[in-house]
PDB file of N, CA and C in Angstrom:
ATOM      1  N   MET A   1     107.571  53.310  82.973  1.00  0.00           N
ATOM      2  CA  MET A   1     106.804  54.473  82.534  1.00  0.00           C
ATOM      3  C   MET A   1     105.605  53.872  82.319  1.00  0.00           C
ATOM      4  N   LEU A   2     105.399  52.502  81.417  1.00  0.00           N
ATOM      5  CA  LEU A   2     104.082  51.991  81.004  1.00  0.00           C
ATOM      6  C   LEU A   2     103.433  51.643  82.266  1.00  0.00           C
ATOM      7  N   ILE A   3     103.947  51.200  83.408  1.00  0.00           N
ATOM      8  CA  ILE A   3     103.326  50.685  84.689  1.00  0.00           C
ATOM      9  C   ILE A   3     102.668  52.035  85.178  1.00  0.00           C
ATOM     10  N   LYS A   4     103.406  52.870  85.365  1.00  0.00           N
ATOM     11  CA  LYS A   4     102.598  54.390  85.654  1.00  0.00           C
ATOM     12  C   LYS A   4     101.510  54.703  84.968  1.00  0.00           C
ATOM     13  N   GLN A   5     101.833  54.797  83.625  1.00  0.00           N
ATOM     14  CA  GLN A   5     100.606  54.928  82.584  1.00  0.00           C
ATOM     15  C   GLN A   5      99.305  54.067  83.056  1.00  0.00           C
ATOM     16  N   GLU A   6      99.527  52.818  83.099  1.00  0.00           N
ATOM     17  CA  GLU A   6      98.390  51.818  83.139  1.00  0.00           C
ATOM     18  C   GLU A   6      97.894  52.107  84.661  1.00  0.00           C
ATOM     19  N   ARG A   7      98.941  52.616  85.956  1.00  0.00           N
ATOM     20  CA  ARG A   7      97.972  52.885  86.840  1.00  0.00           C
ATOM     21  C   ARG A   7      97.280  53.954  86.824  1.00  0.00           C
ATOM     22  N   GLN A   8      97.615  55.096  86.177  1.00  0.00           N
ATOM     23  CA  GLN A   8      96.897  56.330  85.969  1.00  0.00           C
ATOM     24  C   GLN A   8      95.586  56.036  84.968  1.00  0.00           C
ATOM     25  N   GLU A   9      95.643  55.236  84.252  1.00  0.00           N
ATOM     26  CA  GLU A   9      94.270  54.842  83.351  1.00  0.00           C
ATOM     27  C   GLU A   9      93.247  54.232  84.417  1.00  0.00           C
ATOM     28  N   LYS A  10      94.004  53.191  85.497  1.00  0.00           N
ATOM     29  CA  LYS A  10      93.121  52.649  86.248  1.00  0.00           C
ATOM     30  C   LYS A  10      92.462  53.606  87.257  1.00  0.00           C
ATOM     31  N   LEU A  11      93.014  54.574  87.594  1.00  0.00           N
ATOM     32  CA  LEU A  11      92.751  55.630  88.615  1.00  0.00           C
ATOM     33  C   LEU A  11      91.628  56.221  88.097  1.00  0.00           C
ATOM     34  N   ALA A  12      91.626  56.651  86.599  1.00  0.00           N
ATOM     35  CA  ALA A  12      90.824  57.481  85.932  1.00  0.00           C
ATOM     36  C   ALA A  12      89.582  56.838  85.861  1.00  0.00           C
ATOM     37  N   GLU A  13      89.807  55.652  85.483  1.00  0.00           N
ATOM     38  CA  GLU A  13      88.505  54.585  84.957  1.00  0.00           C
ATOM     39  C   GLU A  13      87.707  54.326  86.516  1.00  0.00           C
ATOM     40  N   GLN A  14      88.449  54.357  87.642  1.00  0.00           N
ATOM     41  CA  GLN A  14      87.658  54.244  88.938  1.00  0.00           C
ATOM     42  C   GLN A  14      86.922  55.365  89.256  1.00  0.00           C
ATOM     43  N   ARG A  15      87.794  56.479  88.994  1.00  0.00           N
ATOM     44  CA  ARG A  15      87.044  57.887  89.217  1.00  0.00           C
ATOM     45  C   ARG A  15      86.009  58.187  88.459  1.00  0.00           C
ATOM     46  N   THR A  16      85.799  57.904  87.148  1.00  0.00           N
ATOM     47  CA  THR A  16      84.906  58.063  86.209  1.00  0.00           C
ATOM     48  C   THR A  16      83.521  56.888  86.837  1.00  0.00           C
ATOM     49  N   GLN A  17      83.975  55.962  87.322  1.00  0.00           N
ATOM     50  CA  GLN A  17      83.002  54.854  87.802  1.00  0.00           C
ATOM     51  C   GLN A  17      82.314  55.422  89.120  1.00  0.00           C
ATOM     52  N   LEU A  18      83.057  55.811  89.814  1.00  0.00           N
ATOM     53  CA  LEU A  18      82.661  56.677  90.978  1.00  0.00           C
ATOM     54  C   LEU A  18      81.723  57.832  90.728  1.00  0.00           C
ATOM     55  N   SER A  19      82.127  58.583  89.871  1.00  0.00           N
ATOM     56  CA  SER A  19      81.429  59.632  89.481  1.00  0.00           C
ATOM     57  C   SER A  19      80.153  59.389  88.818  1.00  0.00           C
ATOM     58  N   LEU A  20      79.817  58.297  88.180  1.00  0.00           N
ATOM     59  CA  LEU A  20      78.444  57.672  87.610  1.00  0.00           C
ATOM     60  C   LEU A  20      77.938  57.152  88.512  1.00  0.00           C
ATOM     61  N   GLN A  21      78.484  56.410  89.814  1.00  0.00           N
ATOM     62  CA  GLN A  21      77.430  55.837  90.725  1.00  0.00           C
ATOM     63  C   GLN A  21      77.107  57.038  91.756  1.00  0.00           C
ATOM     64  N   LEU A  22      77.756  57.932  91.643  1.00  0.00           N
ATOM     65  CA  LEU A  22      77.234  59.158  92.437  1.00  0.00           C
ATOM     66  C   LEU A  22      76.345  59.907  91.817  1.00  0.00           C
ATOM     67  N   ASN A  23      76.361  60.446  90.510  1.00  0.00           N
ATOM     68  CA  ASN A  23      75.204  60.951  89.929  1.00  0.00           C
ATOM     69  C   ASN A  23      74.158  60.299  89.635  1.00  0.00           C
ATOM     70  N   LEU A  24      74.276  58.802  89.721  1.00  0.00           N
ATOM     71  CA  LEU A  24      72.697  57.991  89.880  1.00  0.00           C
ATOM     72  C   LEU A  24      72.250  58.001  91.220  1.00  0.00           C
ATOM     73  N   LEU A  25      73.165  58.005  92.164  1.00  0.00           N
ATOM     74  CA  LEU A  25      72.501  58.172  93.416  1.00  0.00           C
ATOM     75  C   LEU A  25      71.705  59.554  93.750  1.00  0.00           C
ATOM     76  N   SER A  26      72.588  60.544  93.212  1.00  0.00           N
ATOM     77  CA  SER A  26      72.072  61.827  93.332  1.00  0.00           C
ATOM     78  C   SER A  26      70.684  61.899  92.360  1.00  0.00           C
ATOM     79  N   GLU A  27      70.523  61.605  91.340  1.00  0.00           N
ATOM     80  CA  GLU A  27      69.375  61.440  90.474  1.00  0.00           C
ATOM     81  C   GLU A  27      68.023  60.917  91.136  1.00  0.00           C
ATOM     82  N   GLN A  28      68.551  59.579  91.694  1.00  0.00           N
ATOM     83  CA  GLN A  28      67.426  59.027  92.467  1.00  0.00           C
ATOM     84  C   GLN A  28      67.066  59.768  93.641  1.00  0.00           C
ATOM     85  N   LYS A  29      67.827  60.446  94.316  1.00  0.00           N
ATOM     86  CA  LYS A  29      67.481  61.158  95.614  1.00  0.00           C
ATOM     87  C   LYS A  29      66.402  62.461  95.091  1.00  0.00           C
ATOM     88  N   ILE A  30      67.047  62.958  94.052  1.00  0.00           N
ATOM     89  CA  ILE A  30      66.040  63.858  93.510  1.00  0.00           C
ATOM     90  C   ILE A  30      64.830  63.466  93.023  1.00  0.00           C
ATOM     91  N   ALA A  31      64.620  62.422  92.387  1.00  0.00           N
ATOM     92  CA  ALA A  31      63.373  62.035  92.175  1.00  0.00           C
ATOM     93  C   ALA A  31      62.441  61.704  93.172  1.00  0.00           C
ATOM     94  N   LYS A  32      63.094  61.112  94.369  1.00  0.00           N
ATOM     95  CA  LYS A  32      62.331  60.944  95.360  1.00  0.00           C
ATOM     96  C   LYS A  32      61.919  62.285  95.797  1.00  0.00           C
ATOM     97  N   LEU A  33      62.558  63.257  96.025  1.00  0.00           N
ATOM     98  CA  LEU A  33      62.114  64.624  96.419  1.00  0.00           C
ATOM     99  C   LEU A  33      61.218  65.393  95.601  1.00  0.00           C
ATOM    100  N   ILE A  34      61.215  64.907  94.312  1.00  0.00           N
ATOM    101  CA  ILE A  34      60.174  65.516  93.638  1.00  0.00           C
ATOM    102  C   ILE A  34      58.929  64.840  93.872  1.00  0.00           C
ATOM    103  N   SER A  35      58.916  63.439  94.132  1.00  0.00           N
ATOM    104  CA  SER A  35      57.773  62.635  94.389  1.00  0.00           C
ATOM    105  C   SER A  35      57.082  63.015  95.653  1.00  0.00           C
ATOM    106  N   LEU A  36      57.902  63.408  96.630  1.00  0.00           N
ATOM    107  CA  LEU A  36      57.258  63.697  97.965  1.00  0.00           C
ATOM    108  C   LEU A  36      56.648  65.238  97.464  1.00  0.00           C
ATOM    109  N   VAL A  37      57.276  66.237  97.040  1.00  0.00           N
ATOM    110  CA  VAL A  37      56.843  67.612  96.792  1.00  0.00           C
ATOM    111  C   VAL A  37      55.444  67.343  96.250  1.00  0.00           C
ATOM    112  N   GLU A  38      55.428  66.658  95.118  1.00  0.00           N
ATOM    113  CA  GLU A  38      54.340  66.457  94.308  1.00  0.00           C
ATOM    114  C   GLU A  38      53.082  65.821  95.235  1.00  0.00           C
ATOM    115  N   GLU A  39      53.462  64.968  96.227  1.00  0.00           N
ATOM    116  CA  GLU A  39      52.550  64.382  97.179  1.00  0.00           C
ATOM    117  C   GLU A  39      51.974  65.539  98.148  1.00  0.00           C
ATOM    118  N   LEU A  40      52.834  66.044  98.566  1.00  0.00           N
ATOM    119  CA  LEU A  40      52.647  67.070  99.428  1.00  0.00           C
ATOM    120  C   LEU A  40      51.519  68.332  98.954  1.00  0.00           C
ATOM    121  N   ARG A  41      52.018  68.507  97.627  1.00  0.00           N
ATOM    122  CA  ARG A  41      51.280  69.594  96.925  1.00  0.00           C
ATOM    123  C   ARG A  41      49.743  69.063  96.728  1.00  0.00           C
ATOM    124  N   GLN A  42      49.534  67.568  96.311  1.00  0.00           N
ATOM    125  CA  GLN A  42      48.419  67.282  96.177  1.00  0.00           C
ATOM    126  C   GLN A  42      47.357  66.947  97.475  1.00  0.00           C
ATOM    127  N   ASP A  43      48.052  66.973  98.692  1.00  0.00           N
ATOM    128  CA  ASP A  43      47.780  66.721  99.812  1.00  0.00           C
ATOM    129  C   ASP A  43      47.233  68.081 100.286  1.00  0.00           C
ATOM    130  N   THR A  44      47.821  69.311  99.980  1.00  0.00           N
ATOM    131  CA  THR A  44      47.617  70.361 100.895  1.00  0.00           C
ATOM    132  C   THR A  44      46.473  71.083 100.425  1.00  0.00           C
ATOM    133  N   PRO A  45      45.356  71.183 100.921  1.00  0.00           N
ATOM    134  CA  PRO A  45      44.191  71.646 100.586  1.00  0.00           C
ATOM    135  C   PRO A  45      44.186  73.287  99.994  1.00  0.00           C
ATOM    136  N   ASN A  46      45.158  74.036 100.443  1.00  0.00           N
ATOM    137  CA  ASN A  46      45.409  75.368 100.032  1.00  0.00           C
ATOM    138  C   ASN A  46      45.705  75.715  98.467  1.00  0.00           C
ATOM    139  N   VAL A  47      46.333  74.569  98.068  1.00  0.00           N
ATOM    140  CA  VAL A  47      46.880  74.599  96.710  1.00  0.00           C
ATOM    141  C   VAL A  47      46.011  73.813  95.639  1.00  0.00           C
ATOM    142  N   LYS A  48      45.895  74.533  94.676  1.00  0.00           N
ATOM    143  CA  LYS A  48      45.198  74.442  93.461  1.00  0.00           C
ATOM    144  C   LYS A  48      45.953  72.987  92.950  1.00  0.00           C
ATOM    145  N   ASN A  49      44.802  71.885  92.863  1.00  0.00           N
ATOM    146  CA  ASN A  49      45.328  70.393  92.296  1.00  0.00           C
ATOM    147  C   ASN A  49      45.467  70.719  90.906  1.00  0.00           C
ATOM    148  N   ARG A  50      46.712  70.382  90.336  1.00  0.00           N
ATOM    149  CA  ARG A  50      46.741  70.800  88.795  1.00  0.00           C
ATOM    150  C   ARG A  50      47.939  69.437  88.264  1.00  0.00           C
ATOM    151  N   PHE A  51      47.456  69.184  87.115  1.00  0.00           N
ATOM    152  CA  PHE A  51      48.346  67.711  86.810  1.00  0.00           C
ATOM    153  C   PHE A  51      49.658  68.358  86.142  1.00  0.00           C
ATOM    154  N   ASP A  52      50.972  68.327  86.400  1.00  0.00           N
ATOM    155  CA  ASP A  52      52.141  68.746  85.892  1.00  0.00           C
ATOM    156  C   ASP A  52      53.061  67.342  85.231  1.00  0.00           C
ATOM    157  N   PRO A  53      52.846  67.426  83.702  1.00  0.00           N
ATOM    158  CA  PRO A  53      53.645  66.144  83.184  1.00  0.00           C
ATOM    159  C   PRO A  53      54.825  66.100  83.335  1.00  0.00           C
ATOM    160  N   GLU A  54      55.894  67.466  83.602  1.00  0.00           N
ATOM    161  CA  GLU A  54      57.076  67.303  83.650  1.00  0.00           C
ATOM    162  C   GLU A  54      57.370  66.710  85.225  1.00  0.00           C
ATOM    163  N   ALA A  55      56.842  67.031  86.238  1.00  0.00           N
ATOM    164  CA  ALA A  55      57.009  66.754  87.602  1.00  0.00           C
ATOM    165  C   ALA A  55      56.566  65.037  87.656  1.00  0.00           C
ATOM    166  N   GLN A  56      55.478  64.643  86.865  1.00  0.00           N
ATOM    167  CA  GLN A  56      55.378  63.436  86.791  1.00  0.00           C
ATOM    168  C   GLN A  56      56.333  62.681  86.099  1.00  0.00           C
ATOM    169  N   MET A  57      56.849  63.132  84.990  1.00  0.00           N
ATOM    170  CA  MET A  57      58.084  62.246  84.361  1.00  0.00           C
ATOM    171  C   MET A  57      59.227  62.536  85.338  1.00  0.00           C
ATOM    172  N   MET A  58      59.640  63.167  85.730  1.00  0.00           N
ATOM    173  CA  MET A  58      61.011  63.381  86.684  1.00  0.00           C
ATOM    174  C   MET A  58      60.692  62.448  88.214  1.00  0.00           C
ATOM    175  N   LYS A  59      59.353  62.221  88.523  1.00  0.00           N
ATOM    176  CA  LYS A  59      59.370  61.391  89.926  1.00  0.00           C
ATOM    177  C   LYS A  59      60.078  60.073  89.692  1.00  0.00           C
ATOM    178  N   SER A  60      60.215  59.384  88.530  1.00  0.00           N
ATOM    179  CA  SER A  60      60.685  58.092  88.392  1.00  0.00           C
ATOM    180  C   SER A  60      62.218  58.314  88.015  1.00  0.00           C
ATOM    181  N   PRO A  61      62.820  57.606  88.836  1.00  0.00           N
ATOM    182  CA  PRO A  61      64.419  57.547  88.620  1.00  0.00           C
ATOM    183  C   PRO A  61      64.659  56.938  87.258  1.00  0.00           C
ATOM    184  N   THR A  62      66.033  57.399  86.706  1.00  0.00           N
ATOM    185  CA  THR A  62      66.604  56.898  85.669  1.00  0.00           C
ATOM    186  C   THR A  62      66.955  55.420  85.819  1.00  0.00           C
ATOM    187  N   ASP A  63      66.578  54.697  84.772  1.00  0.00           N
ATOM    188  CA  ASP A  63      67.126  53.104  84.774  1.00  0.00           C
ATOM    189  C   ASP A  63      68.685  53.189  84.403  1.00  0.00           C
ATOM    190  N   PRO A  64      69.269  52.671  85.583  1.00  0.00           N
ATOM    191  CA  PRO A  64      70.740  52.435  85.356  1.00  0.00           C
ATOM    192  C   PRO A  64      71.117  51.533  84.188  1.00  0.00           C
ATOM    193  N   HIS A  65      70.150  50.413  84.082  1.00  0.00           N
ATOM    194  CA  HIS A  65      70.515  49.617  82.572  1.00  0.00           C
ATOM    195  C   HIS A  65      70.385  50.644  81.415  1.00  0.00           C
ATOM    196  N   ALA A  66      69.268  51.179  81.336  1.00  0.00           N
ATOM    197  CA  ALA A  66      69.264  51.928  80.070  1.00  0.00           C
ATOM    198  C   ALA A  66      70.403  52.811  79.659  1.00  0.00           C
ATOM    199  N   ILE A  67      71.055  53.317  80.932  1.00  0.00           N
ATOM    200  CA  ILE A  67      72.164  54.375  80.919  1.00  0.00           C
ATOM    201  C   ILE A  67      73.307  53.633  80.226  1.00  0.00           C
ATOM    202  N   ILE A  68      73.357  52.412  81.098  1.00  0.00           N
ATOM    203  CA  ILE A  68      74.555  51.414  80.492  1.00  0.00           C
ATOM    204  C   ILE A  68      74.359  51.088  79.002  1.00  0.00           C
ATOM    205  N   ASP A  69      73.207  50.647  78.545  1.00  0.00           N
ATOM    206  CA  ASP A  69      73.049  50.555  77.199  1.00  0.00           C
ATOM    207  C   ASP A  69      73.238  51.647  76.385  1.00  0.00           C
ATOM    208  N   VAL A  70      73.155  52.711  76.610  1.00  0.00           N
ATOM    209  CA  VAL A  70      73.441  54.033  75.814  1.00  0.00           C
ATOM    210  C   VAL A  70      74.930  54.081  75.629  1.00  0.00           C
ATOM    211  N   LEU A  71      75.654  54.002  76.983  1.00  0.00           N
ATOM    212  CA  LEU A  71      76.953  54.151  76.977  1.00  0.00           C
ATOM    213  C   LEU A  71      77.788  52.964  75.988  1.00  0.00           C
ATOM    214  N   GLU A  72      77.220  52.050  76.070  1.00  0.00           N
ATOM    215  CA  GLU A  72      77.737  50.753  75.352  1.00  0.00           C
ATOM    216  C   GLU A  72      77.544  50.838  74.065  1.00  0.00           C
ATOM    217  N   GLU A  73      76.346  51.495  73.619  1.00  0.00           N
ATOM    218  CA  GLU A  73      76.044  52.083  71.887  1.00  0.00           C
ATOM    219  C   GLU A  73      76.983  52.983  71.780  1.00  0.00           C
ATOM    220  N   THR A  74      77.136  54.050  72.488  1.00  0.00           N
ATOM    221  CA  THR A  74      78.117  55.143  72.286  1.00  0.00           C
ATOM    222  C   THR A  74      79.702  54.750  71.788  1.00  0.00           C
ATOM    223  N   LEU A  75      79.892  53.862  72.904  1.00  0.00           N
ATOM    224  CA  LEU A  75      81.222  53.189  72.764  1.00  0.00           C
ATOM    225  C   LEU A  75      81.624  52.407  71.738  1.00  0.00           C
ATOM    226  N   ALA A  76      80.590  51.737  71.266  1.00  0.00           N
ATOM    227  CA  ALA A  76      80.766  50.831  70.015  1.00  0.00           C
ATOM    228  C   ALA A  76      80.656  51.775  68.840  1.00  0.00           C
ATOM    229  N   SER A  77      80.032  52.669  68.969  1.00  0.00           N
ATOM    230  CA  SER A  77      79.974  53.837  67.642  1.00  0.00           C
ATOM    231  C   SER A  77      81.386  54.574  67.692  1.00  0.00           C
ATOM    232  N   GLU A  78      81.903  54.837  68.691  1.00  0.00           N
ATOM    233  CA  GLU A  78      83.116  55.607  68.808  1.00  0.00           C
ATOM    234  C   GLU A  78      84.418  54.641  68.289  1.00  0.00           C
ATOM    235  N   LEU A  79      84.257  53.185  68.782  1.00  0.00           N
ATOM    236  CA  LEU A  79      85.364  52.647  68.304  1.00  0.00           C
ATOM    237  C   LEU A  79      85.277  52.031  66.750  1.00  0.00           C
ATOM    238  N   ALA A  80      83.950  51.946  66.236  1.00  0.00           N
ATOM    239  CA  ALA A  80      83.890  51.949  64.880  1.00  0.00           C
ATOM    240  C   ALA A  80      84.492  53.102  64.100  1.00  0.00           C
ATOM    241  N   SER A  81      84.359  54.298  64.678  1.00  0.00           N
ATOM    242  CA  SER A  81      84.799  55.543  64.158  1.00  0.00           C
ATOM    243  C   SER A  81      86.163  55.634  64.010  1.00  0.00           C
ATOM    244  N   PHE A  82      86.674  55.193  65.259  1.00  0.00           N
ATOM    245  CA  PHE A  82      88.000  55.119  65.418  1.00  0.00           C
ATOM    246  C   PHE A  82      88.835  54.110  64.365  1.00  0.00           C
ATOM    247  N   SER A  83      88.165  53.178  64.449  1.00  0.00           N
ATOM    248  CA  SER A  83      88.801  51.835  63.550  1.00  0.00           C
ATOM    249  C   SER A  83      88.686  52.302  61.920  1.00  0.00           C
ATOM    250  N   GLN A  84      87.593  53.302  61.677  1.00  0.00           N
ATOM    251  CA  GLN A  84      87.679  53.611  60.226  1.00  0.00           C
ATOM    252  C   GLN A  84      88.625  54.437  59.958  1.00  0.00           C
ATOM    253  N   GLN A  85      88.999  55.397  60.926  1.00  0.00           N
ATOM    254  CA  GLN A  85      89.746  56.669  60.927  1.00  0.00           C
ATOM    255  C   GLN A  85      91.377  55.638  60.791  1.00  0.00           C
ATOM    256  N   LYS A  86      91.380  54.717  61.629  1.00  0.00           N
ATOM    257  CA  LYS A  86      92.793  54.166  61.567  1.00  0.00           C
ATOM    258  C   LYS A  86      93.094  53.390  60.192  1.00  0.00           C
ATOM    259  N   THR A  87      92.050  52.853  59.365  1.00  0.00           N
ATOM    260  CA  THR A  87      92.041  52.247  58.075  1.00  0.00           C
ATOM    261  C   THR A  87      92.406  53.374  56.973  1.00  0.00           C
ATOM    262  N   SER A  88      92.117  54.487  57.393  1.00  0.00           N
ATOM    263  CA  SER A  88      92.157  55.507  56.289  1.00  0.00           C
ATOM    264  C   SER A  88      93.324  56.101  56.486  1.00  0.00           C
ATOM    265  N   GLN A  89      94.437  55.553  57.090  1.00  0.00           N
ATOM    266  CA  GLN A  89      95.761  56.239  57.576  1.00  0.00           C
ATOM    267  C   GLN A  89      96.661  55.792  56.379  1.00  0.00           C
ATOM    268  N   ASP A  90      97.589  56.322  55.909  1.00  0.00           N
ATOM    269  CA  ASP A  90      98.872  56.170  55.049  1.00  0.00           C
ATOM    270  C   ASP A  90      99.686  55.079  55.709  1.00  0.00           C
ATOM    271  N   PRO A  91      99.662  53.753  54.950  1.00  0.00           N
ATOM    272  CA  PRO A  91     100.162  52.730  55.706  1.00  0.00           C
ATOM    273  C   PRO A  91     101.728  52.947  55.550  1.00  0.00           C
ATOM    274  N   ARG A  92     102.362  53.808  54.558  1.00  0.00           N
ATOM    275  CA  ARG A  92     103.561  53.961  54.455  1.00  0.00           C
ATOM    276  C   ARG A  92     104.236  54.983  55.525  1.00  0.00           C
ATOM    277  N   ARG A  93     103.621  55.867  56.009  1.00  0.00           N
ATOM    278  CA  ARG A  93     103.780  57.174  57.147  1.00  0.00           C
ATOM    279  C   ARG A  93     103.500  57.143  58.200  1.00  0.00           C
ATOM    280  N   GLY A  94     102.136  56.459  58.116  1.00  0.00           N
ATOM    281  CA  GLY A  94     101.321  56.377  59.786  1.00  0.00           C
ATOM    282  C   GLY A  94     100.560  57.727  59.979  1.00  0.00           C
ATOM    283  N   THR A  95     100.298  58.491  58.662  1.00  0.00           N
ATOM    284  CA  THR A  95      99.788  59.741  58.878  1.00  0.00           C
ATOM    285  C   THR A  95      98.542  59.518  58.065  1.00  0.00           C
ATOM    286  N   LEU A  96      97.385  60.628  58.244  1.00  0.00           N
ATOM    287  CA  LEU A  96      96.146  60.481  57.793  1.00  0.00           C
ATOM    288  C   LEU A  96      96.334  61.110  56.266  1.00  0.00           C
ATOM    289  N   ARG A  97      95.881  60.810  55.284  1.00  0.00           N
ATOM    290  CA  ARG A  97      95.386  61.279  53.921  1.00  0.00           C
ATOM    291  C   ARG A  97      94.578  62.523  54.188  1.00  0.00           C
ATOM    292  N   ILE A  98      95.244  63.899  53.776  1.00  0.00           N
ATOM    293  CA  ILE A  98      93.860  64.684  53.885  1.00  0.00           C
ATOM    294  C   ILE A  98      94.043  65.363  52.518  1.00  0.00           C
ATOM    295  N   GLN A  99      92.545  65.439  52.031  1.00  0.00           N
ATOM    296  CA  GLN A  99      92.430  65.901  50.647  1.00  0.00           C
ATOM    297  C   GLN A  99      91.769  67.244  50.970  1.00  0.00           C
ATOM    298  N   ASN A 100      92.303  68.148  49.914  1.00  0.00           N
ATOM    299  CA  ASN A 100      92.038  69.448  49.709  1.00  0.00           C
ATOM    300  C   ASN A 100      90.671  69.570  49.280  1.00  0.00           C
ATOM    301  N   SER A 101      89.584  70.437  49.582  1.00  0.00           N
ATOM    302  CA  SER A 101      88.435  70.756  49.384  1.00  0.00           C
ATOM    303  C   SER A 101      88.422  71.861  48.091  1.00  0.00           C
ATOM    304  N   LYS A 102      89.524  72.095  47.459  1.00  0.00           N
ATOM    305  CA  LYS A 102      89.653  73.272  46.676  1.00  0.00           C
ATOM    306  C   LYS A 102      89.113  72.668  45.169  1.00  0.00           C
TER     307      LYS A 102
END
């Protein structure tokens, strides 16, 4: 039973990793498309040239290293929260102590 659970966890982790990679690739492609559309807009004489700060910002793809840093910070925060929750458990019964707010 434990082996099956570990295998399922590995598969779930691989799916999550693949999903992240696909999302990053899609985001890079979208950034490239925005860049090309902006370039086309600027080169077309019939279209009034204007500055679009949102499009300018979206032209550059997201830095995967920044995403990893944020994910690591989030994971560390969640682990700390989990650890605090675990230490607040009643050691005699293994249940959380719940205080009434009355």
